[in-house]
Amino acid sequence: MMYFFSPRFCFRIFLTLISLFGINFSSVACSPLTVPILVSQSIVGPNLVLNWNSTTIYWCSDVMIVEVTCNGKPYTGLAAFSFTSTPMTGNAATYSYPAMNIPLANFCPGTTYQFRCREQNNPVGATSLWTANFSFTTPGVLVPPTLNITATPPNICFPGNSQLVANATGCGGQPFTYSWTPAIGLSCTTCSNPIASPAVTTTYSCTVTGSQWGCWTITNSITVNVLAAPPVVGIINVAPITICTGNTATLSTTSYTGTLQWQSGPTNAGPWTNILGATTAPYALGTLTVSTCYRAVITGCGGSLNTNTVCITVNPMPTVTVNSPSICAGQTANLTANGATSYVWSAGAVTTGVNTASAIPVVTTTYTVTGTSLGCSSTAVSTVAVNPSPSAILSQTNASCGLNNGIVIITNTSPAGQTVVLFTF
């Protein structure tokens, strides 16, 4: 009778004989490694827990290598972003590795990552192919990164230097990567603190990207001003110099050389405050409600100079009122306005005094009066109600006489049942 045994069974008998009879070999060939099988993944406490199966046949010590990166990003191959399982020696057609626990302390909360795995001879040797990509999302809510850029000093004279510093905060740990543009005038474009030496005023942008765990990018910019030398000031003026509440005015200057900054103050002695964004000439002011003074600070190489001061007087709008009388047809309506120093009436109203007018409308009519004080004007409207004159109409004669306390009264009753007193004696 003949017996047939599988290669795996024969190989195990071979290993048993080696053990029993003390046969040693300088090396033993390992089976080709197979692609790992992900059985399950879960987040338990602070760890990502992965369970892998292997179908590698022979009894060599192997490990699982897991590499992690931001979702959709390439893998770096760096050891800092790879994790190694407990070594395992196969003893079956399919066998399970001990669970892998990948700590998530350095990962960003609320962020999706991807990972892949391959099997490797332990400690270093042949490897299997990589698995497909798998993904997981860390628990929690992402705190957005921040980026603040400073330039010291922000204004330079050519040739001069300004120290740029990018201060970034974000999850995922260091190192961050930096990218500055444009490169012209910079000592480096990939450091956090380059020295800027531009020949003309230049705005530099910095893009900061988180580490392999960070998975975020943020951009900010700053301007290095290259000043003219030295500063030169011209004469500034404002038009108009007197306005009414709610109106505007424009600041201008005859000439200047350097960087201009408009300032405002309550009096011609200040205190002075920079007007945000007011760095051009001419400059249109917004609507004004109070009298205000202005000046410009011109900055150039060597310092700053202040211009002359101009003040805008803001007068209030008068509150004009006028009466609205009721008259009978043919009567004269007397109109009186208040709240201003001079008045102009619309057509139909005849001026009779400083603040009075008269009108004789035949029907209810509106009249407009415009009052002016300190060059500012407001209007008010008078509505004159015209009522019809009373009249008595007798459709028939139905008179009667009566005596009331010695007074003779003659009355008439109309068809509508109304009694009208005609005469009394």
Protein backbone atom coordinates (compact mmCIF):
# COMPACT_ATOMS: atom_id res chain seq x y z
CA MET A 1 0.00 0.00 0.00
CA MET A 2 1.34 3.43 -0.91
CA TYR A 3 0.77 6.59 1.15
CA PHE A 4 0.85 10.16 -0.17
CA PHE A 5 1.54 13.16 2.08
CA SER A 6 1.21 16.87 1.42
CA PRO A 7 4.38 19.01 1.13
CA ARG A 8 3.40 20.90 4.30
CA PHE A 9 3.11 17.63 6.25
CA CYS A 10 6.46 16.40 4.95
CA PHE A 11 8.11 19.70 5.82
CA ARG A 12 6.84 19.44 9.42
CA ILE A 13 8.21 15.89 9.71
CA PHE A 14 11.51 17.22 8.37
CA LEU A 15 11.63 19.90 11.05
CA THR A 16 10.76 17.35 13.74
CA LEU A 17 13.62 15.09 12.66
CA ILE A 18 15.99 18.03 12.78
CA SER A 19 14.90 18.70 16.35
CA LEU A 20 15.16 15.06 17.45
CA PHE A 21 18.53 14.29 15.94
CA GLY A 22 20.17 17.68 16.48
CA ILE A 23 20.69 18.43 12.81
CA ASN A 24 21.57 22.14 12.28
CA PHE A 25 21.57 24.19 9.08
CA SER A 26 23.21 27.55 8.69
CA SER A 27 20.05 28.96 7.07
CA VAL A 28 16.49 27.93 6.35
CA ALA A 29 14.58 29.36 3.39
CA CYS A 30 11.33 31.19 4.25
CA SER A 31 8.14 31.01 2.29
CA PRO A 32 7.33 33.98 0.02
CA LEU A 33 5.29 36.50 2.00
CA THR A 34 1.65 37.09 1.14
CA VAL A 35 -0.39 40.28 1.28
CA PRO A 36 -1.96 40.68 4.76
CA ILE A 37 -5.72 40.45 5.29
CA LEU A 38 -7.41 43.10 7.46
CA VAL A 39 -9.91 41.28 9.67
CA SER A 40 -11.18 44.28 11.65
CA GLN A 41 -10.39 47.83 12.70
CA SER A 42 -11.80 49.89 15.55
CA ILE A 43 -10.94 52.84 17.77
CA VAL A 44 -10.77 51.79 21.39
CA GLY A 45 -9.89 54.54 23.85
CA PRO A 46 -6.73 56.31 22.65
CA ASN A 47 -5.77 53.61 20.11
CA LEU A 48 -6.59 52.41 16.62
CA VAL A 49 -6.87 48.63 16.99
CA LEU A 50 -6.06 46.53 13.88
CA ASN A 51 -6.42 42.76 13.52
CA TRP A 52 -4.53 41.07 10.66
CA ASN A 53 -4.48 37.56 9.21
CA SER A 54 -1.59 36.04 7.27
CA THR A 55 -1.53 33.19 4.75
CA THR A 56 2.28 32.91 4.62
CA ILE A 57 3.11 29.18 4.90
CA TYR A 58 6.55 28.43 6.35
CA TRP A 59 7.68 28.87 9.95
CA CYS A 60 9.70 32.06 9.77
CA SER A 61 9.37 34.96 12.20
CA ASP A 62 7.49 37.78 10.48
CA VAL A 63 5.93 41.13 11.43
CA MET A 64 3.24 43.38 10.04
CA ILE A 65 4.33 46.91 9.01
CA VAL A 66 1.55 49.56 8.96
CA GLU A 67 2.20 52.95 7.38
CA VAL A 68 -0.13 55.92 7.99
CA THR A 69 -0.59 59.22 6.14
CA CYS A 70 -3.17 61.96 5.66
CA ASN A 71 -6.13 60.88 3.58
CA GLY A 72 -5.35 61.31 -0.12
CA LYS A 73 -1.68 62.17 0.51
CA PRO A 74 1.37 60.09 -0.55
CA TYR A 75 3.17 57.91 1.98
CA THR A 76 6.57 59.18 3.11
CA GLY A 77 8.22 55.89 4.03
CA LEU A 78 9.60 57.53 7.17
CA ALA A 79 9.93 55.35 10.25
CA ALA A 80 8.14 57.95 12.37
CA PHE A 81 4.91 57.22 10.52
CA SER A 82 5.20 53.41 10.45
CA PHE A 83 4.14 50.90 13.10
CA THR A 84 5.38 47.32 13.62
CA SER A 85 3.37 44.45 15.05
CA THR A 86 4.49 41.76 17.48
CA PRO A 87 6.54 39.09 15.64
CA MET A 88 4.61 36.01 14.58
CA THR A 89 5.69 32.60 13.27
CA GLY A 90 3.15 30.93 11.03
CA ASN A 91 1.85 27.48 11.86
CA ALA A 92 -1.26 27.11 9.73
CA ALA A 93 -2.61 27.93 6.31
CA THR A 94 -4.24 31.08 7.76
CA TYR A 95 -3.32 32.47 11.16
CA SER A 96 -3.97 35.67 13.14
CA TYR A 97 -1.44 38.18 14.37
CA PRO A 98 -1.84 39.71 17.81
CA ALA A 99 -3.92 42.89 17.70
CA MET A 100 -1.95 46.01 16.77
CA ASN A 101 -2.56 49.11 18.91
CA ILE A 102 -1.63 52.35 17.16
CA PRO A 103 -1.69 55.31 19.60
CA LEU A 104 -3.63 58.34 18.32
CA ALA A 105 -2.20 60.93 20.71
CA ASN A 106 -0.30 62.76 17.95
CA PHE A 107 -3.12 62.62 15.41
CA CYS A 108 -5.51 65.54 14.79
CA PRO A 109 -9.06 65.09 16.14
CA GLY A 110 -11.88 64.99 13.62
CA THR A 111 -9.45 64.17 10.78
CA THR A 112 -9.47 61.29 8.26
CA TYR A 113 -6.27 59.27 7.67
CA GLN A 114 -5.38 56.38 5.41
CA PHE A 115 -3.13 53.39 6.09
CA ARG A 116 -1.72 50.33 4.36
CA CYS A 117 0.09 47.19 5.54
CA ARG A 118 2.65 44.62 4.36
CA GLU A 119 4.30 41.58 5.94
CA GLN A 120 8.08 41.54 6.50
CA ASN A 121 10.62 38.97 7.62
CA ASN A 122 11.73 39.75 11.15
CA PRO A 123 13.78 41.75 11.92
CA VAL A 124 14.67 42.90 8.41
CA GLY A 125 14.24 40.98 5.21
CA ALA A 126 11.88 40.31 2.38
CA THR A 127 8.48 42.01 2.29
CA SER A 128 5.11 41.30 0.76
CA LEU A 129 3.23 43.68 -1.47
CA TRP A 130 1.25 46.46 0.18
CA THR A 131 -2.44 46.07 0.86
CA ALA A 132 -4.99 48.47 -0.57
CA ASN A 133 -5.58 51.69 1.36
CA PHE A 134 -7.88 51.68 4.38
CA SER A 135 -9.07 54.77 6.26
CA PHE A 136 -10.21 55.88 9.70
CA THR A 137 -11.36 59.16 11.31
CA THR A 138 -10.08 60.20 14.70
CA PRO A 139 -12.71 61.15 17.29
CA GLY A 140 -13.20 64.76 18.41
CA VAL A 141 -13.50 68.16 16.74
CA LEU A 142 -10.65 69.77 14.78
CA VAL A 143 -9.35 73.08 16.15
CA PRO A 144 -8.46 75.23 13.10
CA PRO A 145 -4.76 76.13 12.78
CA THR A 146 -3.57 79.75 13.08
CA LEU A 147 -0.78 81.65 11.36
CA ASN A 148 0.55 85.04 12.42
CA ILE A 149 3.31 86.77 10.44
CA THR A 150 5.39 89.72 11.64
CA ALA A 151 7.93 91.93 9.89
CA THR A 152 10.49 93.79 12.03
CA PRO A 153 10.72 96.56 11.03
CA PRO A 154 7.74 96.76 8.65
CA ASN A 155 9.26 99.79 6.87
CA ILE A 156 12.81 99.78 5.56
CA CYS A 157 15.09 102.01 3.53
CA PHE A 158 16.80 100.45 0.52
CA PRO A 159 19.11 98.67 0.94
CA GLY A 160 17.77 97.39 4.24
CA ASN A 161 16.49 94.24 5.93
CA SER A 162 13.31 93.17 7.67
CA GLN A 163 13.09 90.03 9.81
CA LEU A 164 10.02 87.97 8.86
CA VAL A 165 8.68 85.46 11.39
CA ALA A 166 5.80 83.01 10.79
CA ASN A 167 4.22 81.76 14.02
CA ALA A 168 1.96 78.78 13.29
CA THR A 169 -0.10 76.67 15.67
CA GLY A 170 -1.92 73.49 14.75
CA CYS A 171 -2.53 69.92 15.81
CA GLY A 172 -0.42 66.96 14.76
CA GLY A 173 2.87 68.06 16.23
CA GLN A 174 6.01 69.35 14.56
CA PRO A 175 7.70 69.73 12.19
CA PHE A 176 5.64 72.12 10.05
CA THR A 177 6.72 72.91 6.50
CA TYR A 178 6.99 76.50 5.23
CA SER A 179 6.78 77.95 1.74
CA TRP A 180 7.32 81.70 1.07
CA THR A 181 6.49 83.57 -2.15
CA PRO A 182 7.79 85.50 -3.98
CA ALA A 183 11.36 84.34 -3.49
CA ILE A 184 12.90 87.66 -4.56
CA GLY A 185 14.65 89.41 -1.69
CA LEU A 186 14.30 86.46 0.75
CA SER A 187 17.20 84.71 2.49
CA CYS A 188 15.26 81.40 2.32
CA THR A 189 11.83 80.24 1.17
CA THR A 190 11.35 77.11 3.31
CA CYS A 191 12.23 78.38 6.80
CA SER A 192 9.92 80.00 9.33
CA ASN A 193 11.98 83.19 9.75
CA PRO A 194 13.60 84.45 6.52
CA ILE A 195 15.23 87.87 6.18
CA ALA A 196 13.56 90.08 3.56
CA SER A 197 15.61 92.61 1.57
CA PRO A 198 13.28 93.82 -1.21
CA ALA A 199 14.20 96.73 -3.48
CA VAL A 200 10.56 97.85 -3.70
CA THR A 201 7.52 97.47 -1.45
CA THR A 202 6.66 93.76 -1.54
CA THR A 203 3.92 91.56 -0.06
CA TYR A 204 5.19 88.15 1.03
CA SER A 205 2.87 85.14 1.47
CA CYS A 206 3.67 82.15 3.65
CA THR A 207 1.92 78.77 3.41
CA VAL A 208 2.37 76.45 6.39
CA THR A 209 1.50 72.75 6.22
CA GLY A 210 1.12 70.49 9.24
CA SER A 211 3.27 67.44 9.86
CA GLN A 212 2.40 63.98 8.56
CA TRP A 213 -0.17 63.83 11.36
CA GLY A 214 -1.38 67.42 10.85
CA CYS A 215 -3.20 67.17 7.50
CA TRP A 216 -3.84 70.95 7.35
CA THR A 217 -2.58 73.97 5.39
CA ILE A 218 -2.90 77.69 6.18
CA THR A 219 -1.70 80.84 4.37
CA ASN A 220 -1.14 84.43 5.49
CA SER A 221 0.79 87.42 4.15
CA ILE A 222 2.60 90.59 5.20
CA THR A 223 3.93 93.65 3.40
CA VAL A 224 7.43 95.07 3.74
CA ASN A 225 7.37 98.74 2.76
CA VAL A 226 10.43 100.22 1.08
CA LEU A 227 10.35 103.91 1.96
CA ALA A 228 11.41 106.94 0.02
CA ALA A 229 14.22 108.99 1.53
CA PRO A 230 13.78 111.43 3.11
CA PRO A 231 10.05 112.15 3.74
CA VAL A 232 8.66 115.30 2.13
CA VAL A 233 5.32 116.88 3.05
CA GLY A 234 3.07 119.22 1.12
CA ILE A 235 0.09 121.33 2.20
CA ILE A 236 -3.09 119.40 2.97
CA ASN A 237 -6.62 120.78 2.65
CA VAL A 238 -10.19 119.63 2.91
CA ALA A 239 -13.26 120.35 0.82
CA PRO A 240 -15.75 121.47 1.92
CA ILE A 241 -14.54 122.85 5.23
CA THR A 242 -18.07 123.23 6.67
CA ILE A 243 -20.68 120.52 6.21
CA CYS A 244 -23.99 119.40 7.65
CA THR A 245 -24.47 116.30 9.78
CA GLY A 246 -24.43 113.14 7.68
CA ASN A 247 -22.45 114.65 4.78
CA THR A 248 -18.88 113.85 3.76
CA ALA A 249 -15.68 115.65 2.72
CA THR A 250 -12.42 114.83 0.94
CA LEU A 251 -8.87 115.24 2.24
CA SER A 252 -6.10 116.07 -0.24
CA THR A 253 -2.51 117.24 -0.37
CA THR A 254 -0.48 119.29 -2.82
CA SER A 255 2.38 116.74 -2.80
CA TYR A 256 4.33 114.37 -0.60
CA THR A 257 7.15 111.81 -0.77
CA GLY A 258 7.03 108.74 1.46
CA THR A 259 4.25 106.68 3.03
CA LEU A 260 1.12 108.62 4.00
CA GLN A 261 -1.18 107.94 6.95
CA TRP A 262 -4.19 110.19 7.68
CA GLN A 263 -4.99 110.86 11.33
CA SER A 264 -7.99 112.43 13.08
CA GLY A 265 -8.46 114.26 16.37
CA PRO A 266 -11.15 116.21 18.26
CA THR A 267 -9.15 119.49 18.11
CA ASN A 268 -6.19 120.85 16.16
CA ALA A 269 -3.99 119.74 19.08
CA GLY A 270 -5.17 116.11 18.99
CA PRO A 271 -4.92 113.56 20.47
CA TRP A 272 -4.36 111.92 17.07
CA THR A 273 -5.57 108.51 15.93
CA ASN A 274 -4.71 106.71 12.69
CA ILE A 275 -7.69 106.30 10.36
CA LEU A 276 -7.79 102.63 9.36
CA GLY A 277 -7.03 102.22 5.67
CA ALA A 278 -6.55 105.96 5.07
CA THR A 279 -3.21 105.84 3.25
CA THR A 280 -3.97 107.57 -0.06
CA ALA A 281 -4.45 111.12 -1.24
CA PRO A 282 -7.05 112.28 -1.99
CA TYR A 283 -9.04 110.38 0.63
CA ALA A 284 -12.86 110.51 0.91
CA LEU A 285 -14.10 110.59 4.48
CA GLY A 286 -17.23 108.76 5.53
CA THR A 287 -20.34 110.55 6.78
CA LEU A 288 -19.52 112.90 9.67
CA THR A 289 -21.62 113.80 12.69
CA VAL A 290 -19.21 115.89 14.80
CA SER A 291 -16.59 118.52 14.04
CA THR A 292 -13.19 116.84 13.52
CA CYS A 293 -9.61 117.87 12.72
CA TYR A 294 -7.22 116.01 10.40
CA ARG A 295 -3.53 115.79 9.56
CA ALA A 296 -1.23 113.42 7.66
CA VAL A 297 1.92 111.67 8.87
CA ILE A 298 4.46 111.15 6.07
CA THR A 299 7.02 108.42 6.79
CA GLY A 300 10.26 107.95 4.89
CA CYS A 301 13.81 106.90 5.48
CA GLY A 302 15.10 108.69 8.53
CA GLY A 303 11.77 109.27 10.26
CA SER A 304 8.35 110.87 9.91
CA LEU A 305 6.96 114.37 9.39
CA ASN A 306 3.55 115.76 10.28
CA THR A 307 1.61 117.99 7.90
CA ASN A 308 -0.46 121.04 8.76
CA THR A 309 -3.86 120.51 10.42
CA VAL A 310 -7.27 121.12 8.82
CA CYS A 311 -10.58 121.06 10.69
CA ILE A 312 -14.08 120.35 9.41
CA THR A 313 -17.00 122.06 11.12
CA VAL A 314 -20.08 119.84 11.21
CA ASN A 315 -23.33 121.77 11.79
CA PRO A 316 -26.52 120.04 12.92
CA MET A 317 -29.55 119.71 10.69
CA PRO A 318 -32.41 121.94 11.97
CA THR A 319 -35.62 120.29 13.14
CA VAL A 320 -38.33 122.24 11.35
CA THR A 321 -42.01 122.12 12.43
CA VAL A 322 -45.12 123.85 11.00
CA ASN A 323 -48.79 124.00 11.99
CA SER A 324 -51.63 122.46 9.92
CA PRO A 325 -54.80 124.59 10.39
CA SER A 326 -58.38 123.89 9.27
CA ILE A 327 -60.42 126.69 7.57
CA CYS A 328 -63.69 127.24 5.77
CA ALA A 329 -63.71 127.90 2.06
CA GLY A 330 -62.74 131.48 1.35
CA GLN A 331 -60.93 131.97 4.65
CA THR A 332 -57.18 132.61 5.08
CA ALA A 333 -54.92 129.99 6.65
CA ASN A 334 -52.12 131.40 8.80
CA LEU A 335 -49.00 129.18 8.79
CA THR A 336 -46.21 129.32 11.38
CA ALA A 337 -42.87 127.43 11.17
CA ASN A 338 -40.25 126.94 13.90
CA GLY A 339 -36.83 125.36 14.38
CA ALA A 340 -34.65 127.34 11.91
CA THR A 341 -33.43 130.87 11.31
CA SER A 342 -34.76 131.41 7.78
CA TYR A 343 -37.60 129.87 5.81
CA VAL A 344 -38.72 129.38 2.22
CA TRP A 345 -42.34 128.45 1.47
CA SER A 346 -43.60 126.45 -1.49
CA ALA A 347 -45.89 127.95 -4.15
CA GLY A 348 -49.31 129.07 -2.89
CA ALA A 349 -48.06 130.25 0.49
CA VAL A 350 -47.31 133.97 0.81
CA THR A 351 -44.56 134.97 3.27
CA THR A 352 -45.88 137.32 5.92
CA GLY A 353 -43.00 137.33 8.42
CA VAL A 354 -39.67 135.70 9.31
CA ASN A 355 -41.34 132.35 9.98
CA THR A 356 -44.97 132.92 8.92
CA ALA A 357 -47.01 132.69 5.74
CA SER A 358 -50.64 132.77 4.63
CA ALA A 359 -52.63 130.84 2.07
CA ILE A 360 -56.20 130.84 0.77
CA PRO A 361 -56.73 127.37 -0.72
CA VAL A 362 -60.09 126.38 -2.18
CA VAL A 363 -59.56 122.69 -1.36
CA THR A 364 -57.43 120.84 1.18
CA THR A 365 -53.80 121.58 0.20
CA THR A 366 -50.28 120.80 1.43
CA TYR A 367 -47.52 123.40 1.67
CA THR A 368 -43.80 122.77 2.20
CA VAL A 369 -41.53 124.99 4.23
CA THR A 370 -37.73 124.71 4.11
CA GLY A 371 -35.91 125.98 7.18
CA THR A 372 -32.19 126.78 7.20
CA SER A 373 -29.73 127.27 10.08
CA LEU A 374 -25.93 127.53 9.76
CA GLY A 375 -26.18 126.47 6.13
CA CYS A 376 -28.12 123.27 6.86
CA SER A 377 -31.71 122.83 5.75
CA SER A 378 -34.67 120.62 6.63
CA THR A 379 -38.28 120.62 5.46
CA ALA A 380 -41.71 120.25 7.04
CA VAL A 381 -45.15 119.86 5.47
CA SER A 382 -48.36 121.71 6.45
CA THR A 383 -51.72 120.30 5.43
CA VAL A 384 -54.47 122.95 5.34
CA ALA A 385 -57.91 121.34 5.54
CA VAL A 386 -60.65 123.32 3.75
CA ASN A 387 -64.17 122.67 5.08
CA PRO A 388 -67.32 123.65 3.09
CA SER A 389 -69.46 126.63 4.35
CA PRO A 390 -72.77 125.62 6.07
CA SER A 391 -76.04 126.19 4.10
CA ALA A 392 -79.81 125.71 4.78
CA ILE A 393 -82.10 124.51 2.03
CA LEU A 394 -85.94 124.38 2.50
CA SER A 395 -87.54 121.93 0.18
CA GLN A 396 -91.01 122.96 1.31
CA THR A 397 -92.66 125.42 3.60
CA ASN A 398 -93.94 123.93 6.75
CA ALA A 399 -93.53 126.81 9.14
CA SER A 400 -95.00 127.07 12.59
CA CYS A 401 -94.97 129.67 15.32
CA GLY A 402 -94.54 129.18 19.02
CA LEU A 403 -94.08 131.13 22.20
CA ASN A 404 -91.22 130.15 24.50
CA ASN A 405 -90.72 132.26 27.64
CA GLY A 406 -92.11 135.29 25.90
CA ILE A 407 -90.00 134.72 22.73
CA VAL A 408 -91.76 134.08 19.42
CA ILE A 409 -90.04 131.24 17.48
CA ILE A 410 -90.83 130.47 13.83
CA THR A 411 -89.58 127.00 12.70
CA ASN A 412 -89.79 124.84 9.59
CA THR A 413 -89.63 121.04 9.28
CA SER A 414 -87.87 119.71 6.15
CA PRO A 415 -88.83 116.50 4.31
CA ALA A 416 -85.89 114.78 6.02
CA GLY A 417 -87.46 115.49 9.39
CA GLN A 418 -84.99 118.25 10.33
CA THR A 419 -86.30 121.30 12.21
CA VAL A 420 -84.69 124.61 11.28
CA VAL A 421 -85.13 127.82 13.30
CA LEU A 422 -86.13 130.54 10.90
CA PHE A 423 -86.70 133.56 13.11
CA THR A 424 -86.95 134.41 16.75
CA PHE A 425 -88.52 137.52 18.19
